[in-house]
Amino acid sequence: MPTEAMPKIIASLYVGNLMLLILNLPLVGIWVKILQIPRPYLHAGILVFAGLGAFSLNFTQVDVVILLVDGVPGFFMRRYGYPIAPMMVGLILGPILENQLRHTLAISQGDPPALIASPIAATIYVSLIVIFALSYWMKCRQRTSVSEAVAVDEVAEPMAR
């Protein structure tokens, strides 16, 4: 991105925020009334607009089916307390990453070690491995400390009687 465009981009962000402020201050009452709509009706309206948006993307029913197929796991994830954001990031970035991987392998003539040939890529991969290993180690450590605390409570409880 050229550096001469940066002040224009920042200025457009300021103008956009100012316009949002000017438009939303008088509309606060309407937004509050929208929050008073019963949830089933609100969810139905959101589903209709999401379906229209998915259909208007390519004007095919396949996009609406993809919306529903991806929405059902999201519904159950929310119901059972799992975070939805990682799934959404995967759904959005998955095809982009797949295309970039295909492009990279085409440039390297199908040579997978080319993915870690640069020092920056190798550093990122090592950092990711360390982060995942630390996360796993801390989770295992937390489990053992909880199980030890439960064991101590079970041993101390008969003595208290």
N, C-alpha and C. Protein backbone atom coordinates (compact mmCIF):
# COMPACT_ATOMS: atom_id res chain seq x y z
N MET A 1 0.85 -1.17 0.00
CA MET A 1 0.00 0.00 0.00
C MET A 1 0.90 1.23 0.00
N PRO A 2 0.71 2.13 -0.93
CA PRO A 2 1.56 3.33 -1.00
C PRO A 2 1.38 4.20 0.24
N THR A 3 2.47 4.80 0.67
CA THR A 3 2.42 5.61 1.89
C THR A 3 1.67 6.91 1.70
N GLU A 4 1.57 7.41 0.47
CA GLU A 4 0.83 8.66 0.26
C GLU A 4 -0.67 8.46 0.43
N ALA A 5 -1.14 7.22 0.39
CA ALA A 5 -2.57 6.95 0.56
C ALA A 5 -2.96 6.84 2.04
N MET A 6 -1.99 6.66 2.92
CA MET A 6 -2.30 6.46 4.33
C MET A 6 -3.05 7.63 4.96
N PRO A 7 -2.64 8.88 4.78
CA PRO A 7 -3.42 9.98 5.38
C PRO A 7 -4.85 10.03 4.87
N LYS A 8 -5.06 9.69 3.61
CA LYS A 8 -6.42 9.68 3.07
C LYS A 8 -7.26 8.59 3.72
N ILE A 9 -6.65 7.43 3.93
CA ILE A 9 -7.37 6.32 4.57
C ILE A 9 -7.73 6.68 6.00
N ILE A 10 -6.79 7.26 6.73
CA ILE A 10 -7.06 7.65 8.11
C ILE A 10 -8.13 8.73 8.16
N ALA A 11 -8.06 9.69 7.25
CA ALA A 11 -9.08 10.75 7.21
C ALA A 11 -10.45 10.16 6.89
N SER A 12 -10.51 9.17 5.99
CA SER A 12 -11.80 8.56 5.67
C SER A 12 -12.36 7.80 6.87
N LEU A 13 -11.48 7.20 7.68
CA LEU A 13 -11.95 6.53 8.89
C LEU A 13 -12.54 7.53 9.88
N TYR A 14 -11.90 8.69 10.02
CA TYR A 14 -12.44 9.73 10.90
C TYR A 14 -13.79 10.23 10.39
N VAL A 15 -13.90 10.45 9.10
CA VAL A 15 -15.17 10.92 8.52
C VAL A 15 -16.25 9.85 8.72
N GLY A 16 -15.90 8.59 8.51
CA GLY A 16 -16.87 7.51 8.71
C GLY A 16 -17.36 7.44 10.15
N ASN A 17 -16.43 7.57 11.11
CA ASN A 17 -16.84 7.55 12.52
C ASN A 17 -17.72 8.74 12.86
N LEU A 18 -17.40 9.90 12.31
CA LEU A 18 -18.22 11.09 12.55
C LEU A 18 -19.62 10.90 11.98
N MET A 19 -19.70 10.32 10.78
CA MET A 19 -21.02 10.07 10.17
C MET A 19 -21.82 9.07 11.00
N LEU A 20 -21.16 8.02 11.51
CA LEU A 20 -21.85 7.06 12.37
C LEU A 20 -22.39 7.74 13.62
N LEU A 21 -21.59 8.61 14.21
CA LEU A 21 -22.03 9.32 15.40
C LEU A 21 -23.23 10.21 15.10
N ILE A 22 -23.17 10.95 14.01
CA ILE A 22 -24.26 11.86 13.65
C ILE A 22 -25.53 11.08 13.33
N LEU A 23 -25.40 9.94 12.67
CA LEU A 23 -26.58 9.16 12.30
C LEU A 23 -27.15 8.36 13.48
N ASN A 24 -26.28 7.85 14.35
CA ASN A 24 -26.76 6.96 15.40
C ASN A 24 -27.30 7.67 16.63
N LEU A 25 -26.85 8.87 16.92
CA LEU A 25 -27.38 9.57 18.10
C LEU A 25 -28.89 9.79 18.00
N PRO A 26 -29.43 10.24 16.87
CA PRO A 26 -30.89 10.38 16.81
C PRO A 26 -31.63 9.05 16.74
N LEU A 27 -30.94 7.98 16.34
CA LEU A 27 -31.60 6.69 16.15
C LEU A 27 -31.52 5.78 17.37
N VAL A 28 -31.03 6.29 18.51
CA VAL A 28 -30.87 5.44 19.69
C VAL A 28 -32.21 4.85 20.11
N GLY A 29 -33.27 5.63 20.04
CA GLY A 29 -34.59 5.12 20.42
C GLY A 29 -35.03 3.95 19.57
N ILE A 30 -34.72 4.01 18.28
CA ILE A 30 -35.09 2.90 17.39
C ILE A 30 -34.28 1.65 17.74
N TRP A 31 -32.99 1.82 18.04
CA TRP A 31 -32.17 0.66 18.39
C TRP A 31 -32.66 0.02 19.68
N VAL A 32 -33.12 0.84 20.64
CA VAL A 32 -33.66 0.30 21.89
C VAL A 32 -34.94 -0.48 21.61
N LYS A 33 -35.79 0.03 20.73
CA LYS A 33 -37.03 -0.68 20.39
C LYS A 33 -36.74 -2.00 19.69
N ILE A 34 -35.68 -2.04 18.89
CA ILE A 34 -35.30 -3.29 18.23
C ILE A 34 -34.92 -4.34 19.27
N LEU A 35 -34.27 -3.90 20.35
CA LEU A 35 -33.90 -4.85 21.40
C LEU A 35 -35.11 -5.39 22.16
N GLN A 36 -36.25 -4.71 22.06
CA GLN A 36 -37.45 -5.16 22.76
C GLN A 36 -38.26 -6.17 21.93
N ILE A 37 -37.85 -6.41 20.70
CA ILE A 37 -38.52 -7.41 19.86
C ILE A 37 -38.25 -8.79 20.46
N PRO A 38 -39.27 -9.65 20.56
CA PRO A 38 -39.04 -11.00 21.10
C PRO A 38 -37.98 -11.74 20.27
N ARG A 39 -37.17 -12.50 20.97
CA ARG A 39 -36.03 -13.17 20.33
C ARG A 39 -36.41 -14.07 19.15
N PRO A 40 -37.47 -14.86 19.22
CA PRO A 40 -37.79 -15.70 18.05
C PRO A 40 -38.03 -14.88 16.78
N TYR A 41 -38.72 -13.74 16.92
CA TYR A 41 -38.97 -12.89 15.75
C TYR A 41 -37.67 -12.24 15.27
N LEU A 42 -36.85 -11.82 16.22
CA LEU A 42 -35.57 -11.20 15.86
C LEU A 42 -34.67 -12.20 15.14
N HIS A 43 -34.62 -13.43 15.66
CA HIS A 43 -33.79 -14.46 15.03
C HIS A 43 -34.31 -14.81 13.64
N ALA A 44 -35.63 -14.86 13.49
CA ALA A 44 -36.21 -15.16 12.18
C ALA A 44 -35.86 -14.06 11.18
N GLY A 45 -35.94 -12.81 11.60
CA GLY A 45 -35.57 -11.70 10.72
C GLY A 45 -34.11 -11.73 10.33
N ILE A 46 -33.25 -12.04 11.30
CA ILE A 46 -31.82 -12.13 11.01
C ILE A 46 -31.56 -13.26 10.02
N LEU A 47 -32.25 -14.40 10.20
CA LEU A 47 -32.08 -15.53 9.28
C LEU A 47 -32.54 -15.17 7.87
N VAL A 48 -33.64 -14.43 7.75
CA VAL A 48 -34.12 -14.01 6.43
C VAL A 48 -33.09 -13.12 5.75
N PHE A 49 -32.57 -12.13 6.48
CA PHE A 49 -31.60 -11.23 5.87
C PHE A 49 -30.27 -11.94 5.57
N ALA A 50 -29.87 -12.89 6.42
CA ALA A 50 -28.66 -13.66 6.14
C ALA A 50 -28.85 -14.51 4.89
N GLY A 51 -30.04 -15.12 4.74
CA GLY A 51 -30.33 -15.90 3.54
C GLY A 51 -30.35 -15.05 2.29
N LEU A 52 -30.95 -13.86 2.39
CA LEU A 52 -30.94 -12.94 1.23
C LEU A 52 -29.52 -12.53 0.87
N GLY A 53 -28.71 -12.25 1.89
CA GLY A 53 -27.32 -11.87 1.62
C GLY A 53 -26.53 -12.99 0.99
N ALA A 54 -26.74 -14.22 1.48
CA ALA A 54 -26.03 -15.36 0.91
C ALA A 54 -26.48 -15.61 -0.53
N PHE A 55 -27.78 -15.48 -0.78
CA PHE A 55 -28.28 -15.70 -2.14
C PHE A 55 -27.78 -14.61 -3.09
N SER A 56 -27.72 -13.37 -2.62
CA SER A 56 -27.32 -12.27 -3.50
C SER A 56 -25.83 -12.29 -3.81
N LEU A 57 -25.08 -13.14 -3.14
CA LEU A 57 -23.64 -13.23 -3.41
C LEU A 57 -23.39 -13.71 -4.83
N ASN A 58 -23.97 -14.86 -5.21
CA ASN A 58 -23.78 -15.41 -6.56
C ASN A 58 -25.10 -15.74 -7.23
N PHE A 59 -26.22 -15.43 -6.58
CA PHE A 59 -27.55 -15.74 -7.09
C PHE A 59 -27.73 -17.24 -7.33
N THR A 60 -27.22 -18.05 -6.40
CA THR A 60 -27.42 -19.50 -6.46
C THR A 60 -27.93 -19.98 -5.11
N GLN A 61 -28.69 -21.07 -5.15
CA GLN A 61 -29.21 -21.64 -3.92
C GLN A 61 -28.14 -22.38 -3.14
N VAL A 62 -27.04 -22.70 -3.79
CA VAL A 62 -25.95 -23.40 -3.11
C VAL A 62 -25.41 -22.56 -1.96
N ASP A 63 -25.33 -21.25 -2.14
CA ASP A 63 -24.83 -20.38 -1.08
C ASP A 63 -25.77 -20.38 0.12
N VAL A 64 -27.06 -20.46 -0.11
CA VAL A 64 -28.02 -20.53 0.99
C VAL A 64 -27.88 -21.86 1.73
N VAL A 65 -27.66 -22.94 0.98
CA VAL A 65 -27.45 -24.25 1.61
C VAL A 65 -26.17 -24.22 2.44
N ILE A 66 -25.12 -23.60 1.93
CA ILE A 66 -23.87 -23.48 2.68
C ILE A 66 -24.11 -22.69 3.96
N LEU A 67 -24.90 -21.63 3.88
CA LEU A 67 -25.25 -20.84 5.06
C LEU A 67 -25.92 -21.73 6.11
N LEU A 68 -26.88 -22.53 5.69
CA LEU A 68 -27.60 -23.39 6.63
C LEU A 68 -26.71 -24.50 7.17
N VAL A 69 -25.89 -25.10 6.30
CA VAL A 69 -25.00 -26.19 6.74
C VAL A 69 -23.96 -25.67 7.73
N ASP A 70 -23.51 -24.44 7.54
CA ASP A 70 -22.55 -23.86 8.48
C ASP A 70 -23.24 -23.29 9.71
N GLY A 71 -24.50 -22.94 9.60
CA GLY A 71 -25.22 -22.36 10.73
C GLY A 71 -25.66 -23.38 11.76
N VAL A 72 -25.96 -24.60 11.32
CA VAL A 72 -26.43 -25.63 12.25
C VAL A 72 -25.35 -25.99 13.28
N PRO A 73 -24.09 -26.24 12.87
CA PRO A 73 -23.06 -26.49 13.89
C PRO A 73 -22.87 -25.27 14.81
N GLY A 74 -22.98 -24.07 14.26
CA GLY A 74 -22.85 -22.87 15.08
C GLY A 74 -23.95 -22.80 16.13
N PHE A 75 -25.16 -23.19 15.76
CA PHE A 75 -26.28 -23.21 16.71
C PHE A 75 -25.98 -24.16 17.86
N PHE A 76 -25.53 -25.37 17.53
CA PHE A 76 -25.26 -26.34 18.58
C PHE A 76 -24.02 -25.96 19.38
N MET A 77 -23.05 -25.34 18.75
CA MET A 77 -21.87 -24.88 19.50
C MET A 77 -22.28 -23.83 20.53
N ARG A 78 -23.13 -22.90 20.13
CA ARG A 78 -23.59 -21.88 21.08
C ARG A 78 -24.42 -22.51 22.19
N ARG A 79 -25.27 -23.47 21.82
CA ARG A 79 -26.14 -24.09 22.82
C ARG A 79 -25.33 -24.84 23.88
N TYR A 80 -24.23 -25.49 23.48
CA TYR A 80 -23.45 -26.28 24.42
C TYR A 80 -22.21 -25.56 24.94
N GLY A 81 -22.12 -24.26 24.69
CA GLY A 81 -21.08 -23.44 25.32
C GLY A 81 -19.72 -23.43 24.65
N TYR A 82 -19.65 -23.83 23.40
CA TYR A 82 -18.38 -23.77 22.67
C TYR A 82 -18.26 -22.42 21.96
N PRO A 83 -17.04 -21.90 21.83
CA PRO A 83 -16.89 -20.62 21.14
C PRO A 83 -17.13 -20.77 19.63
N ILE A 84 -17.81 -19.79 19.07
CA ILE A 84 -18.16 -19.83 17.65
C ILE A 84 -17.11 -19.13 16.80
N ALA A 85 -16.39 -18.19 17.39
CA ALA A 85 -15.43 -17.38 16.63
C ALA A 85 -14.38 -18.22 15.90
N PRO A 86 -13.77 -19.25 16.52
CA PRO A 86 -12.79 -20.04 15.76
C PRO A 86 -13.39 -20.72 14.54
N MET A 87 -14.64 -21.18 14.65
CA MET A 87 -15.28 -21.80 13.49
C MET A 87 -15.49 -20.77 12.38
N MET A 88 -15.91 -19.57 12.76
CA MET A 88 -16.14 -18.53 11.76
C MET A 88 -14.83 -18.13 11.08
N VAL A 89 -13.76 -18.02 11.86
CA VAL A 89 -12.46 -17.69 11.27
C VAL A 89 -12.04 -18.78 10.30
N GLY A 90 -12.26 -20.04 10.68
CA GLY A 90 -11.92 -21.15 9.80
C GLY A 90 -12.75 -21.15 8.52
N LEU A 91 -14.04 -20.84 8.64
CA LEU A 91 -14.90 -20.81 7.46
C LEU A 91 -14.53 -19.68 6.52
N ILE A 92 -14.11 -18.56 7.07
CA ILE A 92 -13.76 -17.41 6.23
C ILE A 92 -12.36 -17.56 5.65
N LEU A 93 -11.40 -17.93 6.49
CA LEU A 93 -10.01 -17.98 6.03
C LEU A 93 -9.63 -19.30 5.37
N GLY A 94 -10.42 -20.36 5.59
CA GLY A 94 -10.09 -21.67 5.04
C GLY A 94 -9.91 -21.67 3.53
N PRO A 95 -10.89 -21.20 2.76
CA PRO A 95 -10.72 -21.18 1.30
C PRO A 95 -9.58 -20.28 0.85
N ILE A 96 -9.38 -19.17 1.54
CA ILE A 96 -8.29 -18.26 1.17
C ILE A 96 -6.95 -18.95 1.40
N LEU A 97 -6.79 -19.60 2.56
CA LEU A 97 -5.54 -20.31 2.84
C LEU A 97 -5.32 -21.46 1.87
N GLU A 98 -6.38 -22.14 1.50
CA GLU A 98 -6.26 -23.24 0.54
C GLU A 98 -5.77 -22.74 -0.81
N ASN A 99 -6.32 -21.63 -1.28
CA ASN A 99 -5.88 -21.06 -2.56
C ASN A 99 -4.43 -20.60 -2.49
N GLN A 100 -4.04 -19.99 -1.37
CA GLN A 100 -2.66 -19.53 -1.24
C GLN A 100 -1.69 -20.71 -1.16
N LEU A 101 -2.09 -21.79 -0.47
CA LEU A 101 -1.24 -22.98 -0.42
C LEU A 101 -1.08 -23.58 -1.81
N ARG A 102 -2.18 -23.66 -2.56
CA ARG A 102 -2.11 -24.18 -3.92
C ARG A 102 -1.20 -23.31 -4.78
N HIS A 103 -1.31 -22.00 -4.63
CA HIS A 103 -0.48 -21.06 -5.39
C HIS A 103 1.00 -21.22 -5.02
N THR A 104 1.27 -21.35 -3.72
CA THR A 104 2.66 -21.51 -3.26
C THR A 104 3.25 -22.82 -3.77
N LEU A 105 2.48 -23.89 -3.71
CA LEU A 105 2.99 -25.17 -4.20
C LEU A 105 3.17 -25.15 -5.72
N ALA A 106 2.35 -24.39 -6.43
CA ALA A 106 2.54 -24.27 -7.88
C ALA A 106 3.82 -23.51 -8.18
N ILE A 107 4.10 -22.47 -7.41
CA ILE A 107 5.34 -21.71 -7.62
C ILE A 107 6.56 -22.57 -7.30
N SER A 108 6.47 -23.36 -6.22
CA SER A 108 7.62 -24.19 -5.82
C SER A 108 7.64 -25.53 -6.54
N GLN A 109 6.79 -25.71 -7.54
CA GLN A 109 6.70 -26.93 -8.33
C GLN A 109 6.42 -28.16 -7.47
N GLY A 110 5.53 -27.99 -6.49
CA GLY A 110 5.09 -29.10 -5.65
C GLY A 110 6.07 -29.52 -4.59
N ASP A 111 7.01 -28.66 -4.23
CA ASP A 111 8.03 -29.00 -3.24
C ASP A 111 7.60 -28.49 -1.86
N PRO A 112 7.07 -29.35 -0.96
CA PRO A 112 6.60 -28.88 0.35
C PRO A 112 7.68 -28.26 1.23
N PRO A 113 8.94 -28.71 1.20
CA PRO A 113 9.94 -28.04 2.04
C PRO A 113 10.14 -26.56 1.71
N ALA A 114 9.67 -26.13 0.55
CA ALA A 114 9.77 -24.71 0.22
C ALA A 114 8.92 -23.86 1.15
N LEU A 115 7.94 -24.48 1.82
CA LEU A 115 7.09 -23.74 2.74
C LEU A 115 7.85 -23.27 3.97
N ILE A 116 8.93 -23.96 4.33
CA ILE A 116 9.72 -23.56 5.50
C ILE A 116 11.14 -23.16 5.13
N ALA A 117 11.36 -22.85 3.87
CA ALA A 117 12.72 -22.54 3.41
C ALA A 117 13.21 -21.20 3.94
N SER A 118 12.34 -20.23 4.09
CA SER A 118 12.80 -18.91 4.55
C SER A 118 12.89 -18.90 6.08
N PRO A 119 13.82 -18.13 6.62
CA PRO A 119 13.97 -18.06 8.08
C PRO A 119 12.73 -17.51 8.78
N ILE A 120 12.02 -16.60 8.13
CA ILE A 120 10.82 -16.03 8.74
C ILE A 120 9.75 -17.10 8.89
N ALA A 121 9.54 -17.90 7.85
CA ALA A 121 8.54 -18.96 7.91
C ALA A 121 8.91 -20.00 8.97
N ALA A 122 10.19 -20.37 9.01
CA ALA A 122 10.63 -21.35 10.01
C ALA A 122 10.43 -20.80 11.42
N THR A 123 10.70 -19.51 11.63
CA THR A 123 10.50 -18.89 12.94
C THR A 123 9.03 -18.91 13.33
N ILE A 124 8.16 -18.61 12.38
CA ILE A 124 6.72 -18.62 12.67
C ILE A 124 6.26 -20.03 13.01
N TYR A 125 6.72 -21.03 12.27
CA TYR A 125 6.32 -22.40 12.55
C TYR A 125 6.82 -22.85 13.93
N VAL A 126 8.06 -22.53 14.26
CA VAL A 126 8.60 -22.89 15.57
C VAL A 126 7.82 -22.18 16.67
N SER A 127 7.49 -20.91 16.46
CA SER A 127 6.71 -20.16 17.46
C SER A 127 5.35 -20.80 17.66
N LEU A 128 4.70 -21.21 16.58
CA LEU A 128 3.40 -21.86 16.70
C LEU A 128 3.50 -23.17 17.47
N ILE A 129 4.53 -23.95 17.19
CA ILE A 129 4.71 -25.22 17.90
C ILE A 129 4.93 -24.97 19.38
N VAL A 130 5.75 -23.97 19.72
CA VAL A 130 6.00 -23.64 21.13
C VAL A 130 4.71 -23.17 21.81
N ILE A 131 3.93 -22.34 21.15
CA ILE A 131 2.68 -21.85 21.73
C ILE A 131 1.71 -23.00 21.98
N PHE A 132 1.56 -23.90 21.01
CA PHE A 132 0.66 -25.04 21.20
C PHE A 132 1.17 -25.96 22.31
N ALA A 133 2.48 -26.19 22.36
CA ALA A 133 3.03 -27.05 23.40
C ALA A 133 2.84 -26.43 24.78
N LEU A 134 3.07 -25.13 24.91
CA LEU A 134 2.86 -24.47 26.20
C LEU A 134 1.39 -24.50 26.61
N SER A 135 0.51 -24.30 25.67
CA SER A 135 -0.92 -24.35 25.97
C SER A 135 -1.31 -25.74 26.47
N TYR A 136 -0.85 -26.77 25.79
CA TYR A 136 -1.15 -28.14 26.20
C TYR A 136 -0.55 -28.44 27.56
N TRP A 137 0.69 -28.01 27.79
CA TRP A 137 1.38 -28.25 29.06
C TRP A 137 0.65 -27.57 30.21
N MET A 138 0.23 -26.31 29.99
CA MET A 138 -0.48 -25.58 31.05
C MET A 138 -1.83 -26.22 31.35
N LYS A 139 -2.51 -26.71 30.33
CA LYS A 139 -3.81 -27.37 30.55
C LYS A 139 -3.61 -28.66 31.34
N CYS A 140 -2.59 -29.43 31.00
CA CYS A 140 -2.32 -30.67 31.75
C CYS A 140 -1.92 -30.35 33.18
N ARG A 141 -1.14 -29.32 33.37
CA ARG A 141 -0.70 -28.91 34.71
C ARG A 141 -1.90 -28.45 35.54
N GLN A 142 -2.82 -27.75 34.93
CA GLN A 142 -4.01 -27.29 35.62
C GLN A 142 -4.88 -28.48 36.03
N ARG A 143 -4.99 -29.48 35.16
CA ARG A 143 -5.78 -30.67 35.48
C ARG A 143 -5.19 -31.41 36.67
N THR A 144 -3.85 -31.56 36.68
CA THR A 144 -3.23 -32.29 37.79
C THR A 144 -3.37 -31.51 39.09
N SER A 145 -3.28 -30.18 39.05
CA SER A 145 -3.43 -29.41 40.28
C SER A 145 -4.86 -29.49 40.81
N VAL A 146 -5.85 -29.51 39.91
CA VAL A 146 -7.24 -29.65 40.34
C VAL A 146 -7.47 -31.03 40.93
N SER A 147 -6.93 -32.07 40.29
CA SER A 147 -7.12 -33.43 40.81
C SER A 147 -6.40 -33.60 42.14
N GLU A 148 -5.24 -32.96 42.33
CA GLU A 148 -4.54 -33.02 43.61
C GLU A 148 -5.33 -32.29 44.69
N ALA A 149 -5.95 -31.17 44.34
CA ALA A 149 -6.75 -30.43 45.31
C ALA A 149 -7.97 -31.24 45.73
N VAL A 150 -8.58 -31.95 44.79
CA VAL A 150 -9.72 -32.80 45.12
C VAL A 150 -9.27 -33.94 46.02
N ALA A 151 -8.11 -34.52 45.73
CA ALA A 151 -7.59 -35.62 46.55
C ALA A 151 -7.29 -35.13 47.96
N VAL A 152 -6.72 -33.93 48.11
CA VAL A 152 -6.43 -33.38 49.43
C VAL A 152 -7.72 -33.12 50.19
N ASP A 153 -8.75 -32.61 49.51
CA ASP A 153 -10.03 -32.38 50.16
C ASP A 153 -10.66 -33.68 50.63
N GLU A 154 -10.55 -34.74 49.81
CA GLU A 154 -11.12 -36.02 50.19
C GLU A 154 -10.39 -36.62 51.38
N VAL A 155 -9.07 -36.41 51.48
CA VAL A 155 -8.30 -36.92 52.61
C VAL A 155 -8.58 -36.08 53.85
N ALA A 156 -8.70 -34.77 53.70
CA ALA A 156 -8.90 -33.88 54.85
C ALA A 156 -10.31 -33.96 55.39
N GLU A 157 -11.28 -34.31 54.58
CA GLU A 157 -12.68 -34.34 55.01
C GLU A 157 -12.94 -35.37 56.11
N PRO A 158 -12.45 -36.62 56.01
CA PRO A 158 -12.70 -37.57 57.10
C PRO A 158 -12.04 -37.13 58.41
N MET A 159 -10.91 -36.45 58.36
CA MET A 159 -10.23 -35.99 59.56
C MET A 159 -11.04 -34.91 60.28
N ALA A 160 -11.79 -34.12 59.51
CA ALA A 160 -12.55 -33.03 60.10
C ALA A 160 -13.75 -33.55 60.88
N ARG A 161 -14.20 -34.74 60.60
CA ARG A 161 -15.37 -35.30 61.28
C ARG A 161 -14.96 -35.79 62.59
